[in-house]
Amino acid sequence: MADAVEHLVTCNLGELLEDRGMTLAELSRLAGVSVVNLSVLKNDRAKAIRFSTLTAVCSALECTPGELLTMRTPRRTS
């Protein structure tokens, strides 16, 4: 049953990095989060995020959690 759950949270890390002219490596250094973990977020493959990571990333990017993470509309099934 858990496999059937559609995850609707989307990470906008790529767009935020682009807007700020920042690389994953630079964000990693500023936030103290590994490039691998940031890459998982950027590529929307994360299934969870720790509040400490969320806080560090938002602080480094000077953004809010609502700017980093958004909800998309669920797909309709016929």
PDB file of N, CA and C in Angstrom:
ATOM      1  N   MET A   1       0.813  -1.188   0.000  1.00  0.00           N
ATOM      2  CA  MET A   1       0.000   0.000   0.000  1.00  0.00           C
ATOM      3  C   MET A   1       0.859   1.256   0.000  1.00  0.00           C
ATOM      4  N   ALA A   2       1.972   1.278   0.716  1.00  0.00           N
ATOM      5  CA  ALA A   2       2.846   2.448   0.763  1.00  0.00           C
ATOM      6  C   ALA A   2       3.433   2.764  -0.602  1.00  0.00           C
ATOM      7  N   ASP A   3       3.642   1.746  -1.447  1.00  0.00           N
ATOM      8  CA  ASP A   3       4.194   1.977  -2.779  1.00  0.00           C
ATOM      9  C   ASP A   3       3.227   2.739  -3.673  1.00  0.00           C
ATOM     10  N   ALA A   4       1.937   2.659  -3.385  1.00  0.00           N
ATOM     11  CA  ALA A   4       0.932   3.305  -4.205  1.00  0.00           C
ATOM     12  C   ALA A   4       0.790   4.793  -3.899  1.00  0.00           C
ATOM     13  N   VAL A   5       1.409   5.271  -2.839  1.00  0.00           N
ATOM     14  CA  VAL A   5       1.308   6.675  -2.451  1.00  0.00           C
ATOM     15  C   VAL A   5       2.122   7.529  -3.416  1.00  0.00           C
ATOM     16  N   GLU A   6       1.478   8.523  -3.990  1.00  0.00           N
ATOM     17  CA  GLU A   6       2.151   9.438  -4.897  1.00  0.00           C
ATOM     18  C   GLU A   6       2.705  10.619  -4.092  1.00  0.00           C
ATOM     19  N   HIS A   7       4.009  10.837  -4.180  1.00  0.00           N
ATOM     20  CA  HIS A   7       4.622  11.946  -3.458  1.00  0.00           C
ATOM     21  C   HIS A   7       4.433  13.224  -4.263  1.00  0.00           C
ATOM     22  N   LEU A   8       3.886  14.221  -3.640  1.00  0.00           N
ATOM     23  CA  LEU A   8       3.540  15.462  -4.328  1.00  0.00           C
ATOM     24  C   LEU A   8       4.481  16.617  -4.004  1.00  0.00           C
ATOM     25  N   VAL A   9       5.407  16.411  -3.065  1.00  0.00           N
ATOM     26  CA  VAL A   9       6.337  17.474  -2.702  1.00  0.00           C
ATOM     27  C   VAL A   9       7.453  17.518  -3.740  1.00  0.00           C
ATOM     28  N   THR A  10       7.726  18.702  -4.250  1.00  0.00           N
ATOM     29  CA  THR A  10       8.768  18.907  -5.254  1.00  0.00           C
ATOM     30  C   THR A  10       9.816  19.857  -4.695  1.00  0.00           C
ATOM     31  N   CYS A  11      11.068  19.546  -4.958  1.00  0.00           N
ATOM     32  CA  CYS A  11      12.176  20.388  -4.507  1.00  0.00           C
ATOM     33  C   CYS A  11      12.607  21.311  -5.646  1.00  0.00           C
ATOM     34  N   ASN A  12      12.695  22.594  -5.350  1.00  0.00           N
ATOM     35  CA  ASN A  12      13.061  23.606  -6.346  1.00  0.00           C
ATOM     36  C   ASN A  12      14.522  24.032  -6.227  1.00  0.00           C
ATOM     37  N   LEU A  13      15.374  23.152  -5.730  1.00  0.00           N
ATOM     38  CA  LEU A  13      16.767  23.513  -5.479  1.00  0.00           C
ATOM     39  C   LEU A  13      17.482  23.957  -6.751  1.00  0.00           C
ATOM     40  N   GLY A  14      17.272  23.270  -7.847  1.00  0.00           N
ATOM     41  CA  GLY A  14      17.931  23.639  -9.103  1.00  0.00           C
ATOM     42  C   GLY A  14      17.622  25.066  -9.512  1.00  0.00           C
ATOM     43  N   GLU A  15      16.354  25.434  -9.427  1.00  0.00           N
ATOM     44  CA  GLU A  15      15.939  26.790  -9.808  1.00  0.00           C
ATOM     45  C   GLU A  15      16.527  27.834  -8.861  1.00  0.00           C
ATOM     46  N   LEU A  16      16.525  27.528  -7.565  1.00  0.00           N
ATOM     47  CA  LEU A  16      17.077  28.477  -6.588  1.00  0.00           C
ATOM     48  C   LEU A  16      18.579  28.663  -6.797  1.00  0.00           C
ATOM     49  N   LEU A  17      19.278  27.576  -7.072  1.00  0.00           N
ATOM     50  CA  LEU A  17      20.719  27.684  -7.339  1.00  0.00           C
ATOM     51  C   LEU A  17      20.968  28.526  -8.585  1.00  0.00           C
ATOM     52  N   GLU A  18      20.202  28.257  -9.636  1.00  0.00           N
ATOM     53  CA  GLU A  18      20.362  29.001 -10.884  1.00  0.00           C
ATOM     54  C   GLU A  18      20.094  30.488 -10.673  1.00  0.00           C
ATOM     55  N   ASP A  19      19.023  30.803  -9.954  1.00  0.00           N
ATOM     56  CA  ASP A  19      18.671  32.202  -9.680  1.00  0.00           C
ATOM     57  C   ASP A  19      19.788  32.934  -8.943  1.00  0.00           C
ATOM     58  N   ARG A  20      20.525  32.198  -8.118  1.00  0.00           N
ATOM     59  CA  ARG A  20      21.579  32.811  -7.308  1.00  0.00           C
ATOM     60  C   ARG A  20      22.968  32.661  -7.926  1.00  0.00           C
ATOM     61  N   GLY A  21      23.050  32.000  -9.072  1.00  0.00           N
ATOM     62  CA  GLY A  21      24.334  31.793  -9.723  1.00  0.00           C
ATOM     63  C   GLY A  21      25.277  30.958  -8.859  1.00  0.00           C
ATOM     64  N   MET A  22      24.712  29.972  -8.171  1.00  0.00           N
ATOM     65  CA  MET A  22      25.466  29.168  -7.208  1.00  0.00           C
ATOM     66  C   MET A  22      25.542  27.720  -7.688  1.00  0.00           C
ATOM     67  N   THR A  23      26.637  27.048  -7.359  1.00  0.00           N
ATOM     68  CA  THR A  23      26.793  25.639  -7.693  1.00  0.00           C
ATOM     69  C   THR A  23      26.452  24.775  -6.479  1.00  0.00           C
ATOM     70  N   LEU A  24      26.249  23.486  -6.733  1.00  0.00           N
ATOM     71  CA  LEU A  24      26.034  22.549  -5.629  1.00  0.00           C
ATOM     72  C   LEU A  24      27.236  22.533  -4.697  1.00  0.00           C
ATOM     73  N   ALA A  25      28.431  22.602  -5.270  1.00  0.00           N
ATOM     74  CA  ALA A  25      29.652  22.574  -4.452  1.00  0.00           C
ATOM     75  C   ALA A  25      29.713  23.784  -3.521  1.00  0.00           C
ATOM     76  N   GLU A  26      29.338  24.940  -4.032  1.00  0.00           N
ATOM     77  CA  GLU A  26      29.340  26.149  -3.204  1.00  0.00           C
ATOM     78  C   GLU A  26      28.285  26.052  -2.103  1.00  0.00           C
ATOM     79  N   LEU A  27      27.095  25.579  -2.465  1.00  0.00           N
ATOM     80  CA  LEU A  27      26.038  25.402  -1.469  1.00  0.00           C
ATOM     81  C   LEU A  27      26.466  24.384  -0.417  1.00  0.00           C
ATOM     82  N   SER A  28      27.117  23.322  -0.837  1.00  0.00           N
ATOM     83  CA  SER A  28      27.598  22.304   0.083  1.00  0.00           C
ATOM     84  C   SER A  28      28.533  22.911   1.120  1.00  0.00           C
ATOM     85  N   ARG A  29      29.442  23.738   0.652  1.00  0.00           N
ATOM     86  CA  ARG A  29      30.397  24.398   1.550  1.00  0.00           C
ATOM     87  C   ARG A  29      29.679  25.341   2.513  1.00  0.00           C
ATOM     88  N   LEU A  30      28.756  26.128   2.006  1.00  0.00           N
ATOM     89  CA  LEU A  30      28.048  27.112   2.836  1.00  0.00           C
ATOM     90  C   LEU A  30      27.092  26.464   3.833  1.00  0.00           C
ATOM     91  N   ALA A  31      26.420  25.388   3.408  1.00  0.00           N
ATOM     92  CA  ALA A  31      25.395  24.770   4.244  1.00  0.00           C
ATOM     93  C   ALA A  31      25.934  23.638   5.106  1.00  0.00           C
ATOM     94  N   GLY A  32      27.116  23.128   4.765  1.00  0.00           N
ATOM     95  CA  GLY A  32      27.654  21.996   5.516  1.00  0.00           C
ATOM     96  C   GLY A  32      26.902  20.704   5.239  1.00  0.00           C
ATOM     97  N   VAL A  33      26.378  20.579   4.029  1.00  0.00           N
ATOM     98  CA  VAL A  33      25.644  19.389   3.593  1.00  0.00           C
ATOM     99  C   VAL A  33      26.403  18.805   2.409  1.00  0.00           C
ATOM    100  N   SER A  34      26.508  17.485   2.355  1.00  0.00           N
ATOM    101  CA  SER A  34      27.296  16.861   1.288  1.00  0.00           C
ATOM    102  C   SER A  34      26.694  17.133  -0.091  1.00  0.00           C
ATOM    103  N   VAL A  35      27.574  17.179  -1.086  1.00  0.00           N
ATOM    104  CA  VAL A  35      27.141  17.374  -2.470  1.00  0.00           C
ATOM    105  C   VAL A  35      26.197  16.240  -2.873  1.00  0.00           C
ATOM    106  N   VAL A  36      26.479  15.023  -2.421  1.00  0.00           N
ATOM    107  CA  VAL A  36      25.622  13.881  -2.755  1.00  0.00           C
ATOM    108  C   VAL A  36      24.198  14.107  -2.230  1.00  0.00           C
ATOM    109  N   ASN A  37      24.055  14.520  -0.980  1.00  0.00           N
ATOM    110  CA  ASN A  37      22.720  14.778  -0.419  1.00  0.00           C
ATOM    111  C   ASN A  37      22.023  15.922  -1.139  1.00  0.00           C
ATOM    112  N   LEU A  38      22.756  16.950  -1.480  1.00  0.00           N
ATOM    113  CA  LEU A  38      22.165  18.069  -2.211  1.00  0.00           C
ATOM    114  C   LEU A  38      21.738  17.645  -3.613  1.00  0.00           C
ATOM    115  N   SER A  39      22.523  16.784  -4.242  1.00  0.00           N
ATOM    116  CA  SER A  39      22.182  16.279  -5.567  1.00  0.00           C
ATOM    117  C   SER A  39      20.880  15.482  -5.537  1.00  0.00           C
ATOM    118  N   VAL A  40      20.696  14.674  -4.490  1.00  0.00           N
ATOM    119  CA  VAL A  40      19.450  13.916  -4.328  1.00  0.00           C
ATOM    120  C   VAL A  40      18.271  14.887  -4.228  1.00  0.00           C
ATOM    121  N   LEU A  41      18.440  15.954  -3.473  1.00  0.00           N
ATOM    122  CA  LEU A  41      17.382  16.960  -3.366  1.00  0.00           C
ATOM    123  C   LEU A  41      17.133  17.643  -4.707  1.00  0.00           C
ATOM    124  N   LYS A  42      18.204  18.070  -5.344  1.00  0.00           N
ATOM    125  CA  LYS A  42      18.098  18.809  -6.604  1.00  0.00           C
ATOM    126  C   LYS A  42      17.403  17.988  -7.681  1.00  0.00           C
ATOM    127  N   ASN A  43      17.689  16.694  -7.714  1.00  0.00           N
ATOM    128  CA  ASN A  43      17.116  15.825  -8.738  1.00  0.00           C
ATOM    129  C   ASN A  43      15.774  15.224  -8.325  1.00  0.00           C
ATOM    130  N   ASP A  44      15.219  15.735  -7.243  1.00  0.00           N
ATOM    131  CA  ASP A  44      13.887  15.343  -6.763  1.00  0.00           C
ATOM    132  C   ASP A  44      13.785  13.847  -6.468  1.00  0.00           C
ATOM    133  N   ARG A  45      14.868  13.274  -5.928  1.00  0.00           N
ATOM    134  CA  ARG A  45      14.870  11.853  -5.574  1.00  0.00           C
ATOM    135  C   ARG A  45      14.764  11.635  -4.067  1.00  0.00           C
ATOM    136  N   ALA A  46      14.708  12.711  -3.305  1.00  0.00           N
ATOM    137  CA  ALA A  46      14.649  12.585  -1.843  1.00  0.00           C
ATOM    138  C   ALA A  46      13.268  12.111  -1.406  1.00  0.00           C
ATOM    139  N   LYS A  47      13.265  11.233  -0.404  1.00  0.00           N
ATOM    140  CA  LYS A  47      12.016  10.763   0.181  1.00  0.00           C
ATOM    141  C   LYS A  47      11.770  11.443   1.518  1.00  0.00           C
ATOM    142  N   ALA A  48      12.797  12.094   2.048  1.00  0.00           N
ATOM    143  CA  ALA A  48      12.693  12.781   3.338  1.00  0.00           C
ATOM    144  C   ALA A  48      13.817  13.809   3.410  1.00  0.00           C
ATOM    145  N   ILE A  49      13.652  14.762   4.326  1.00  0.00           N
ATOM    146  CA  ILE A  49      14.699  15.744   4.583  1.00  0.00           C
ATOM    147  C   ILE A  49      14.689  16.059   6.075  1.00  0.00           C
ATOM    148  N   ARG A  50      15.859  16.097   6.670  1.00  0.00           N
ATOM    149  CA  ARG A  50      15.957  16.452   8.086  1.00  0.00           C
ATOM    150  C   ARG A  50      15.751  17.957   8.240  1.00  0.00           C
ATOM    151  N   PHE A  51      15.150  18.336   9.364  1.00  0.00           N
ATOM    152  CA  PHE A  51      14.976  19.767   9.624  1.00  0.00           C
ATOM    153  C   PHE A  51      16.314  20.486   9.676  1.00  0.00           C
ATOM    154  N   SER A  52      17.346  19.837  10.179  1.00  0.00           N
ATOM    155  CA  SER A  52      18.666  20.477  10.235  1.00  0.00           C
ATOM    156  C   SER A  52      19.194  20.753   8.826  1.00  0.00           C
ATOM    157  N   THR A  53      18.959  19.823   7.900  1.00  0.00           N
ATOM    158  CA  THR A  53      19.377  20.028   6.505  1.00  0.00           C
ATOM    159  C   THR A  53      18.548  21.125   5.867  1.00  0.00           C
ATOM    160  N   LEU A  54      17.250  21.087   6.089  1.00  0.00           N
ATOM    161  CA  LEU A  54      16.356  22.106   5.547  1.00  0.00           C
ATOM    162  C   LEU A  54      16.751  23.494   6.046  1.00  0.00           C
ATOM    163  N   THR A  55      17.043  23.597   7.326  1.00  0.00           N
ATOM    164  CA  THR A  55      17.457  24.867   7.918  1.00  0.00           C
ATOM    165  C   THR A  55      18.767  25.353   7.310  1.00  0.00           C
ATOM    166  N   ALA A  56      19.741  24.457   7.185  1.00  0.00           N
ATOM    167  CA  ALA A  56      21.050  24.829   6.643  1.00  0.00           C
ATOM    168  C   ALA A  56      20.948  25.278   5.192  1.00  0.00           C
ATOM    169  N   VAL A  57      20.190  24.554   4.390  1.00  0.00           N
ATOM    170  CA  VAL A  57      20.043  24.903   2.969  1.00  0.00           C
ATOM    171  C   VAL A  57      19.300  26.229   2.826  1.00  0.00           C
ATOM    172  N   CYS A  58      18.207  26.381   3.554  1.00  0.00           N
ATOM    173  CA  CYS A  58      17.446  27.639   3.471  1.00  0.00           C
ATOM    174  C   CYS A  58      18.274  28.827   3.958  1.00  0.00           C
ATOM    175  N   SER A  59      19.062  28.637   5.001  1.00  0.00           N
ATOM    176  CA  SER A  59      19.925  29.721   5.491  1.00  0.00           C
ATOM    177  C   SER A  59      20.961  30.111   4.446  1.00  0.00           C
ATOM    178  N   ALA A  60      21.586  29.121   3.840  1.00  0.00           N
ATOM    179  CA  ALA A  60      22.624  29.391   2.837  1.00  0.00           C
ATOM    180  C   ALA A  60      22.047  30.052   1.590  1.00  0.00           C
ATOM    181  N   LEU A  61      20.828  29.658   1.220  1.00  0.00           N
ATOM    182  CA  LEU A  61      20.194  30.220   0.027  1.00  0.00           C
ATOM    183  C   LEU A  61      19.370  31.471   0.322  1.00  0.00           C
ATOM    184  N   GLU A  62      19.234  31.805   1.621  1.00  0.00           N
ATOM    185  CA  GLU A  62      18.402  32.931   2.041  1.00  0.00           C
ATOM    186  C   GLU A  62      16.994  32.796   1.456  1.00  0.00           C
ATOM    187  N   CYS A  63      16.402  31.632   1.703  1.00  0.00           N
ATOM    188  CA  CYS A  63      15.049  31.364   1.225  1.00  0.00           C
ATOM    189  C   CYS A  63      14.240  30.732   2.346  1.00  0.00           C
ATOM    190  N   THR A  64      12.969  30.528   2.103  1.00  0.00           N
ATOM    191  CA  THR A  64      12.100  29.865   3.071  1.00  0.00           C
ATOM    192  C   THR A  64      11.882  28.417   2.635  1.00  0.00           C
ATOM    193  N   PRO A  65      11.449  27.555   3.556  1.00  0.00           N
ATOM    194  CA  PRO A  65      11.112  26.190   3.163  1.00  0.00           C
ATOM    195  C   PRO A  65      10.042  26.150   2.061  1.00  0.00           C
ATOM    196  N   GLY A  66       9.130  27.110   2.074  1.00  0.00           N
ATOM    197  CA  GLY A  66       8.088  27.177   1.050  1.00  0.00           C
ATOM    198  C   GLY A  66       8.602  27.532  -0.325  1.00  0.00           C
ATOM    199  N   GLU A  67       9.758  28.173  -0.383  1.00  0.00           N
ATOM    200  CA  GLU A  67      10.380  28.452  -1.676  1.00  0.00           C
ATOM    201  C   GLU A  67      11.161  27.236  -2.168  1.00  0.00           C
ATOM    202  N   LEU A  68      11.732  26.500  -1.244  1.00  0.00           N
ATOM    203  CA  LEU A  68      12.525  25.321  -1.595  1.00  0.00           C
ATOM    204  C   LEU A  68      11.636  24.131  -1.935  1.00  0.00           C
ATOM    205  N   LEU A  69      10.588  23.924  -1.155  1.00  0.00           N
ATOM    206  CA  LEU A  69       9.702  22.770  -1.330  1.00  0.00           C
ATOM    207  C   LEU A  69       8.293  23.242  -1.639  1.00  0.00           C
ATOM    208  N   THR A  70       7.714  22.708  -2.683  1.00  0.00           N
ATOM    209  CA  THR A  70       6.341  23.048  -3.049  1.00  0.00           C
ATOM    210  C   THR A  70       5.552  21.773  -3.301  1.00  0.00           C
ATOM    211  N   MET A  71       4.235  21.915  -3.310  1.00  0.00           N
ATOM    212  CA  MET A  71       3.351  20.789  -3.611  1.00  0.00           C
ATOM    213  C   MET A  71       2.868  20.903  -5.043  1.00  0.00           C
ATOM    214  N   ARG A  72       2.913  19.806  -5.745  1.00  0.00           N
ATOM    215  CA  ARG A  72       2.359  19.802  -7.102  1.00  0.00           C
ATOM    216  C   ARG A  72       0.971  19.177  -7.073  1.00  0.00           C
ATOM    217  N   THR A  73       0.227  19.399  -8.119  1.00  0.00           N
ATOM    218  CA  THR A  73      -1.121  18.854  -8.223  1.00  0.00           C
ATOM    219  C   THR A  73      -1.049  17.363  -8.517  1.00  0.00           C
ATOM    220  N   PRO A  74      -1.850  16.559  -7.834  1.00  0.00           N
ATOM    221  CA  PRO A  74      -1.823  15.115  -8.102  1.00  0.00           C
ATOM    222  C   PRO A  74      -2.294  14.798  -9.517  1.00  0.00           C
ATOM    223  N   ARG A  75      -1.721  13.724 -10.065  1.00  0.00           N
ATOM    224  CA  ARG A  75      -2.148  13.256 -11.402  1.00  0.00           C
ATOM    225  C   ARG A  75      -3.520  12.631 -11.279  1.00  0.00           C
ATOM    226  N   ARG A  76      -4.312  12.875 -12.260  1.00  0.00           N
ATOM    227  CA  ARG A  76      -5.656  12.263 -12.299  1.00  0.00           C
ATOM    228  C   ARG A  76      -5.542  10.870 -12.887  1.00  0.00           C
ATOM    229  N   THR A  77      -6.250   9.944 -12.284  1.00  0.00           N
ATOM    230  CA  THR A  77      -6.302   8.588 -12.823  1.00  0.00           C
ATOM    231  C   THR A  77      -7.666   8.368 -13.444  1.00  0.00           C
ATOM    232  N   SER A  78      -7.676   7.717 -14.561  1.00  0.00           N
ATOM    233  CA  SER A  78      -8.947   7.495 -15.276  1.00  0.00           C
ATOM    234  C   SER A  78      -9.686   6.304 -14.744  1.00  0.00           C
TER     235      SER A  78
END
